Amino acid sequence: MTKLDWAAVFAGANILILMLLAFGVVGARIRHKVMLGDGGNPAVLQAIRAHANASEYIPAALTGLTLLAILEPVSLLMVQVLGGLLTFGRVLHGIGLSTSSGRSPGRALGIIATWLALIGMGGVLIWAGLAPLL
């Protein structure tokens, strides 16, 4: 599989994570009879925040991952590691925030993994972008 193939796998997985969290919002709104916003209901707000958090991080990360996949001299392993770390982090964070309104190991580990993936992507993208000049 190529770097772009792997980026597509991770993009697909993260898009499905977004959709699962969106279904969680719809389910919470149906259960609590809330048609718009959170209706002052903490469970609906929690579902909204879980989806919103993923919506805040995933688009930028997938843009970075796609650029990593098409730039040289970025390695296949780098795309796999950063894409895997991102996806692992988003799964953990989504579960953690969806199941606990307070602190949870899933939330903490998930955001750490997500941030490490994004910092890694940012650094590697700068290096790969400047590589032709070096």
N, C-alpha and C. Protein backbone atom coordinates (compact mmCIF):
# COMPACT_ATOMS: atom_id res chain seq x y z
N MET A 1 0.84 -1.19 0.00
CA MET A 1 0.00 0.00 0.00
C MET A 1 0.88 1.25 0.00
N THR A 2 0.43 2.27 -0.69
CA THR A 2 1.17 3.52 -0.77
C THR A 2 0.84 4.44 0.41
N LYS A 3 1.59 5.52 0.50
CA LYS A 3 1.31 6.52 1.54
C LYS A 3 -0.10 7.08 1.37
N LEU A 4 -0.51 7.33 0.14
CA LEU A 4 -1.84 7.88 -0.10
C LEU A 4 -2.93 6.86 0.25
N ASP A 5 -2.66 5.58 0.00
CA ASP A 5 -3.62 4.54 0.41
C ASP A 5 -3.82 4.57 1.92
N TRP A 6 -2.72 4.65 2.66
CA TRP A 6 -2.82 4.68 4.12
C TRP A 6 -3.53 5.94 4.60
N ALA A 7 -3.22 7.06 3.99
CA ALA A 7 -3.91 8.31 4.35
C ALA A 7 -5.41 8.16 4.13
N ALA A 8 -5.79 7.49 3.04
CA ALA A 8 -7.21 7.27 2.76
C ALA A 8 -7.85 6.38 3.83
N VAL A 9 -7.15 5.36 4.28
CA VAL A 9 -7.68 4.49 5.34
C VAL A 9 -7.92 5.29 6.61
N PHE A 10 -6.93 6.09 7.01
CA PHE A 10 -7.08 6.88 8.23
C PHE A 10 -8.14 7.97 8.06
N ALA A 11 -8.23 8.57 6.88
CA ALA A 11 -9.27 9.57 6.62
C ALA A 11 -10.64 8.92 6.74
N GLY A 12 -10.81 7.76 6.12
CA GLY A 12 -12.09 7.07 6.21
C GLY A 12 -12.46 6.72 7.64
N ALA A 13 -11.50 6.23 8.40
CA ALA A 13 -11.76 5.87 9.80
C ALA A 13 -12.17 7.10 10.61
N ASN A 14 -11.48 8.21 10.40
CA ASN A 14 -11.80 9.42 11.16
C ASN A 14 -13.12 10.04 10.74
N ILE A 15 -13.46 9.93 9.47
CA ILE A 15 -14.78 10.39 9.03
C ILE A 15 -15.87 9.54 9.68
N LEU A 16 -15.65 8.25 9.78
CA LEU A 16 -16.63 7.38 10.45
C LEU A 16 -16.73 7.70 11.94
N ILE A 17 -15.62 8.05 12.57
CA ILE A 17 -15.66 8.49 13.97
C ILE A 17 -16.54 9.72 14.10
N LEU A 18 -16.37 10.69 13.19
CA LEU A 18 -17.22 11.88 13.19
C LEU A 18 -18.69 11.51 13.07
N MET A 19 -18.99 10.57 12.18
CA MET A 19 -20.38 10.18 11.97
C MET A 19 -20.95 9.44 13.19
N LEU A 20 -20.17 8.58 13.82
CA LEU A 20 -20.66 7.90 15.03
C LEU A 20 -20.98 8.92 16.12
N LEU A 21 -20.13 9.92 16.26
CA LEU A 21 -20.38 10.95 17.26
C LEU A 21 -21.59 11.80 16.89
N ALA A 22 -21.80 12.04 15.58
CA ALA A 22 -23.00 12.76 15.13
C ALA A 22 -24.26 11.95 15.44
N PHE A 23 -24.19 10.64 15.22
CA PHE A 23 -25.34 9.78 15.57
C PHE A 23 -25.61 9.85 17.07
N GLY A 24 -24.55 9.98 17.86
CA GLY A 24 -24.73 10.13 19.31
C GLY A 24 -25.50 11.39 19.66
N VAL A 25 -25.24 12.48 18.93
CA VAL A 25 -25.97 13.73 19.16
C VAL A 25 -27.45 13.53 18.81
N VAL A 26 -27.71 12.94 17.66
CA VAL A 26 -29.10 12.71 17.24
C VAL A 26 -29.81 11.82 18.25
N GLY A 27 -29.14 10.75 18.68
CA GLY A 27 -29.75 9.85 19.66
C GLY A 27 -30.06 10.55 20.97
N ALA A 28 -29.14 11.39 21.44
CA ALA A 28 -29.37 12.12 22.69
C ALA A 28 -30.52 13.10 22.54
N ARG A 29 -30.60 13.75 21.40
CA ARG A 29 -31.71 14.69 21.18
C ARG A 29 -33.05 13.97 21.13
N ILE A 30 -33.08 12.81 20.50
CA ILE A 30 -34.33 12.03 20.43
C ILE A 30 -34.72 11.55 21.83
N ARG A 31 -33.75 10.97 22.56
CA ARG A 31 -34.03 10.46 23.92
C ARG A 31 -34.56 11.54 24.84
N HIS A 32 -34.02 12.74 24.71
CA HIS A 32 -34.37 13.81 25.64
C HIS A 32 -35.31 14.84 25.04
N LYS A 33 -35.83 14.53 23.84
CA LYS A 33 -36.83 15.38 23.17
C LYS A 33 -36.34 16.83 23.02
N VAL A 34 -35.12 16.96 22.51
CA VAL A 34 -34.52 18.27 22.27
C VAL A 34 -34.36 18.43 20.76
N MET A 35 -35.03 19.43 20.21
CA MET A 35 -34.98 19.62 18.75
C MET A 35 -33.84 20.52 18.29
N LEU A 36 -33.39 21.46 19.14
CA LEU A 36 -32.37 22.40 18.74
C LEU A 36 -31.45 22.68 19.93
N GLY A 37 -30.18 22.74 19.67
CA GLY A 37 -29.23 23.00 20.75
C GLY A 37 -29.19 21.86 21.74
N ASP A 38 -28.91 22.20 23.00
CA ASP A 38 -28.85 21.15 24.02
C ASP A 38 -30.07 21.15 24.94
N GLY A 39 -30.96 22.13 24.79
CA GLY A 39 -32.16 22.19 25.60
C GLY A 39 -31.88 22.26 27.10
N GLY A 40 -30.67 22.67 27.47
CA GLY A 40 -30.32 22.70 28.89
C GLY A 40 -30.09 21.33 29.48
N ASN A 41 -30.01 20.31 28.64
CA ASN A 41 -29.84 18.93 29.11
C ASN A 41 -28.36 18.56 29.07
N PRO A 42 -27.77 18.19 30.22
CA PRO A 42 -26.34 17.87 30.27
C PRO A 42 -25.95 16.69 29.36
N ALA A 43 -26.81 15.71 29.21
CA ALA A 43 -26.49 14.56 28.35
C ALA A 43 -26.41 14.96 26.89
N VAL A 44 -27.31 15.84 26.47
CA VAL A 44 -27.30 16.31 25.09
C VAL A 44 -26.06 17.18 24.87
N LEU A 45 -25.77 18.05 25.82
CA LEU A 45 -24.58 18.89 25.72
C LEU A 45 -23.32 18.04 25.62
N GLN A 46 -23.25 16.98 26.40
CA GLN A 46 -22.09 16.10 26.38
C GLN A 46 -21.92 15.46 25.00
N ALA A 47 -22.99 14.99 24.41
CA ALA A 47 -22.93 14.40 23.07
C ALA A 47 -22.51 15.45 22.03
N ILE A 48 -23.04 16.66 22.17
CA ILE A 48 -22.68 17.74 21.25
C ILE A 48 -21.20 18.05 21.36
N ARG A 49 -20.69 18.14 22.58
CA ARG A 49 -19.28 18.47 22.78
C ARG A 49 -18.36 17.36 22.26
N ALA A 50 -18.77 16.10 22.41
CA ALA A 50 -17.94 15.00 21.89
C ALA A 50 -17.82 15.13 20.37
N HIS A 51 -18.93 15.41 19.71
CA HIS A 51 -18.90 15.57 18.25
C HIS A 51 -18.15 16.84 17.87
N ALA A 52 -18.40 17.93 18.57
CA ALA A 52 -17.75 19.20 18.25
C ALA A 52 -16.24 19.11 18.41
N ASN A 53 -15.78 18.43 19.45
CA ASN A 53 -14.35 18.31 19.65
C ASN A 53 -13.70 17.58 18.48
N ALA A 54 -14.31 16.50 18.05
CA ALA A 54 -13.78 15.77 16.90
C ALA A 54 -13.82 16.65 15.65
N SER A 55 -14.88 17.42 15.51
CA SER A 55 -15.01 18.31 14.36
C SER A 55 -13.95 19.41 14.36
N GLU A 56 -13.46 19.76 15.53
CA GLU A 56 -12.43 20.78 15.65
C GLU A 56 -11.06 20.27 15.24
N TYR A 57 -10.77 19.00 15.49
CA TYR A 57 -9.44 18.46 15.26
C TYR A 57 -9.29 17.66 13.96
N ILE A 58 -10.28 16.88 13.61
CA ILE A 58 -10.13 15.94 12.50
C ILE A 58 -9.89 16.63 11.15
N PRO A 59 -10.61 17.68 10.78
CA PRO A 59 -10.35 18.26 9.45
C PRO A 59 -8.91 18.73 9.24
N ALA A 60 -8.36 19.44 10.19
CA ALA A 60 -6.97 19.90 10.06
C ALA A 60 -6.01 18.72 10.01
N ALA A 61 -6.27 17.72 10.83
CA ALA A 61 -5.39 16.55 10.86
C ALA A 61 -5.43 15.79 9.54
N LEU A 62 -6.61 15.66 8.95
CA LEU A 62 -6.69 14.95 7.67
C LEU A 62 -6.04 15.74 6.54
N THR A 63 -6.11 17.07 6.62
CA THR A 63 -5.40 17.89 5.65
C THR A 63 -3.90 17.65 5.77
N GLY A 64 -3.42 17.67 6.99
CA GLY A 64 -1.99 17.41 7.22
C GLY A 64 -1.58 16.02 6.77
N LEU A 65 -2.37 15.04 7.08
CA LEU A 65 -2.06 13.67 6.71
C LEU A 65 -2.02 13.49 5.20
N THR A 66 -2.94 14.13 4.50
CA THR A 66 -2.97 14.05 3.04
C THR A 66 -1.71 14.69 2.45
N LEU A 67 -1.32 15.84 2.98
CA LEU A 67 -0.10 16.48 2.48
C LEU A 67 1.12 15.61 2.77
N LEU A 68 1.17 15.00 3.94
CA LEU A 68 2.27 14.09 4.24
C LEU A 68 2.34 12.95 3.23
N ALA A 69 1.18 12.47 2.83
CA ALA A 69 1.13 11.33 1.91
C ALA A 69 1.63 11.68 0.51
N ILE A 70 1.53 12.95 0.13
CA ILE A 70 1.94 13.30 -1.23
C ILE A 70 3.31 13.97 -1.30
N LEU A 71 3.85 14.35 -0.15
CA LEU A 71 5.16 15.02 -0.14
C LEU A 71 6.31 14.01 -0.01
N GLU A 72 7.37 14.30 -0.71
CA GLU A 72 8.63 13.59 -0.52
C GLU A 72 9.51 14.54 0.27
N PRO A 73 10.33 14.09 1.14
CA PRO A 73 10.77 12.73 1.44
C PRO A 73 10.07 12.07 2.62
N VAL A 74 8.81 12.35 2.85
CA VAL A 74 8.06 11.74 3.96
C VAL A 74 7.94 10.24 3.70
N SER A 75 8.22 9.45 4.74
CA SER A 75 8.19 8.00 4.59
C SER A 75 6.79 7.43 4.81
N LEU A 76 6.61 6.24 4.29
CA LEU A 76 5.37 5.50 4.52
C LEU A 76 5.16 5.29 6.02
N LEU A 77 6.22 4.94 6.73
CA LEU A 77 6.12 4.70 8.17
C LEU A 77 5.63 5.95 8.90
N MET A 78 6.08 7.12 8.48
CA MET A 78 5.66 8.36 9.13
C MET A 78 4.15 8.57 8.96
N VAL A 79 3.63 8.32 7.77
CA VAL A 79 2.20 8.44 7.53
C VAL A 79 1.43 7.43 8.38
N GLN A 80 1.93 6.21 8.46
CA GLN A 80 1.27 5.18 9.26
C GLN A 80 1.28 5.52 10.74
N VAL A 81 2.42 5.96 11.26
CA VAL A 81 2.53 6.27 12.69
C VAL A 81 1.65 7.46 13.06
N LEU A 82 1.76 8.55 12.31
CA LEU A 82 0.98 9.75 12.65
C LEU A 82 -0.51 9.54 12.40
N GLY A 83 -0.87 8.86 11.33
CA GLY A 83 -2.28 8.56 11.07
C GLY A 83 -2.85 7.61 12.11
N GLY A 84 -2.06 6.62 12.50
CA GLY A 84 -2.51 5.68 13.54
C GLY A 84 -2.65 6.36 14.89
N LEU A 85 -1.70 7.21 15.23
CA LEU A 85 -1.75 7.94 16.50
C LEU A 85 -2.97 8.86 16.54
N LEU A 86 -3.21 9.56 15.45
CA LEU A 86 -4.40 10.42 15.37
C LEU A 86 -5.67 9.60 15.58
N THR A 87 -5.81 8.53 14.84
CA THR A 87 -7.03 7.72 14.90
C THR A 87 -7.22 7.10 16.28
N PHE A 88 -6.15 6.58 16.85
CA PHE A 88 -6.19 6.04 18.21
C PHE A 88 -6.64 7.11 19.19
N GLY A 89 -6.07 8.31 19.06
CA GLY A 89 -6.44 9.41 19.95
C GLY A 89 -7.89 9.83 19.80
N ARG A 90 -8.37 9.87 18.58
CA ARG A 90 -9.76 10.28 18.35
C ARG A 90 -10.74 9.23 18.87
N VAL A 91 -10.40 7.95 18.75
CA VAL A 91 -11.26 6.90 19.30
C VAL A 91 -11.31 7.01 20.81
N LEU A 92 -10.13 7.10 21.45
CA LEU A 92 -10.09 7.21 22.91
C LEU A 92 -10.83 8.44 23.41
N HIS A 93 -10.59 9.57 22.78
CA HIS A 93 -11.23 10.80 23.22
C HIS A 93 -12.74 10.75 23.01
N GLY A 94 -13.16 10.24 21.87
CA GLY A 94 -14.59 10.12 21.60
C GLY A 94 -15.30 9.25 22.63
N ILE A 95 -14.69 8.14 22.96
CA ILE A 95 -15.28 7.25 23.98
C ILE A 95 -15.26 7.94 25.34
N GLY A 96 -14.11 8.52 25.68
CA GLY A 96 -13.97 9.17 26.99
C GLY A 96 -14.95 10.30 27.20
N LEU A 97 -15.11 11.15 26.20
CA LEU A 97 -16.00 12.30 26.35
C LEU A 97 -17.47 11.90 26.23
N SER A 98 -17.74 10.84 25.50
CA SER A 98 -19.13 10.38 25.35
C SER A 98 -19.64 9.65 26.58
N THR A 99 -18.72 9.09 27.36
CA THR A 99 -19.15 8.26 28.50
C THR A 99 -18.91 8.90 29.86
N SER A 100 -18.21 10.03 29.89
CA SER A 100 -17.93 10.68 31.16
C SER A 100 -17.95 12.18 30.99
N SER A 101 -18.67 12.86 31.88
CA SER A 101 -18.71 14.32 31.79
C SER A 101 -17.55 14.97 32.53
N GLY A 102 -16.82 14.18 33.29
CA GLY A 102 -15.67 14.70 34.01
C GLY A 102 -14.37 14.18 33.42
N ARG A 103 -13.37 14.13 34.25
CA ARG A 103 -12.08 13.60 33.81
C ARG A 103 -12.21 12.11 33.54
N SER A 104 -11.50 11.66 32.51
CA SER A 104 -11.47 10.23 32.23
C SER A 104 -10.16 9.90 31.55
N PRO A 105 -9.67 8.67 31.74
CA PRO A 105 -8.43 8.27 31.07
C PRO A 105 -8.55 8.37 29.54
N GLY A 106 -9.71 8.02 29.00
CA GLY A 106 -9.90 8.09 27.55
C GLY A 106 -9.74 9.50 27.02
N ARG A 107 -10.36 10.43 27.70
CA ARG A 107 -10.24 11.84 27.29
C ARG A 107 -8.79 12.30 27.35
N ALA A 108 -8.14 12.04 28.46
CA ALA A 108 -6.76 12.51 28.65
C ALA A 108 -5.81 11.88 27.64
N LEU A 109 -5.84 10.56 27.54
CA LEU A 109 -4.95 9.89 26.60
C LEU A 109 -5.30 10.23 25.16
N GLY A 110 -6.58 10.39 24.90
CA GLY A 110 -7.02 10.72 23.55
C GLY A 110 -6.53 12.07 23.09
N ILE A 111 -6.60 13.07 23.95
CA ILE A 111 -6.15 14.39 23.53
C ILE A 111 -4.64 14.44 23.44
N ILE A 112 -3.95 13.72 24.33
CA ILE A 112 -2.49 13.67 24.24
C ILE A 112 -2.07 13.03 22.91
N ALA A 113 -2.69 11.92 22.55
CA ALA A 113 -2.36 11.26 21.28
C ALA A 113 -2.68 12.16 20.09
N THR A 114 -3.83 12.83 20.14
CA THR A 114 -4.21 13.74 19.06
C THR A 114 -3.22 14.88 18.93
N TRP A 115 -2.87 15.49 20.05
CA TRP A 115 -1.93 16.61 20.00
C TRP A 115 -0.56 16.17 19.52
N LEU A 116 -0.09 14.99 19.98
CA LEU A 116 1.21 14.49 19.51
C LEU A 116 1.18 14.26 18.00
N ALA A 117 0.08 13.71 17.51
CA ALA A 117 -0.05 13.48 16.06
C ALA A 117 -0.02 14.80 15.31
N LEU A 118 -0.76 15.80 15.79
CA LEU A 118 -0.81 17.09 15.11
C LEU A 118 0.53 17.82 15.18
N ILE A 119 1.18 17.78 16.32
CA ILE A 119 2.50 18.41 16.44
C ILE A 119 3.49 17.70 15.51
N GLY A 120 3.42 16.37 15.49
CA GLY A 120 4.28 15.61 14.58
C GLY A 120 4.01 15.96 13.13
N MET A 121 2.74 16.03 12.75
CA MET A 121 2.39 16.39 11.38
C MET A 121 2.91 17.78 11.03
N GLY A 122 2.70 18.73 11.94
CA GLY A 122 3.16 20.09 11.69
C GLY A 122 4.66 20.15 11.48
N GLY A 123 5.39 19.50 12.35
CA GLY A 123 6.85 19.50 12.23
C GLY A 123 7.34 18.81 10.97
N VAL A 124 6.78 17.66 10.67
CA VAL A 124 7.21 16.92 9.47
C VAL A 124 6.82 17.68 8.20
N LEU A 125 5.65 18.32 8.21
CA LEU A 125 5.25 19.10 7.03
C LEU A 125 6.20 20.27 6.79
N ILE A 126 6.61 20.94 7.84
CA ILE A 126 7.56 22.04 7.67
C ILE A 126 8.87 21.50 7.13
N TRP A 127 9.36 20.41 7.72
CA TRP A 127 10.61 19.79 7.25
C TRP A 127 10.49 19.35 5.79
N ALA A 128 9.39 18.68 5.43
CA ALA A 128 9.24 18.19 4.07
C ALA A 128 9.08 19.35 3.09
N GLY A 129 8.40 20.40 3.52
CA GLY A 129 8.23 21.56 2.65
C GLY A 129 9.53 22.29 2.39
N LEU A 130 10.42 22.31 3.39
CA LEU A 130 11.70 22.99 3.25
C LEU A 130 12.80 22.08 2.70
N ALA A 131 12.56 20.78 2.65
CA ALA A 131 13.57 19.82 2.22
C ALA A 131 14.21 20.17 0.87
N PRO A 132 13.44 20.63 -0.11
CA PRO A 132 14.09 20.96 -1.38
C PRO A 132 15.12 22.10 -1.26
N LEU A 133 14.99 22.92 -0.24
CA LEU A 133 15.93 24.03 -0.05
C LEU A 133 17.18 23.63 0.72
N LEU A 134 17.12 22.49 1.39
CA LEU A 134 18.23 22.07 2.26
C LEU A 134 19.28 21.28 1.51
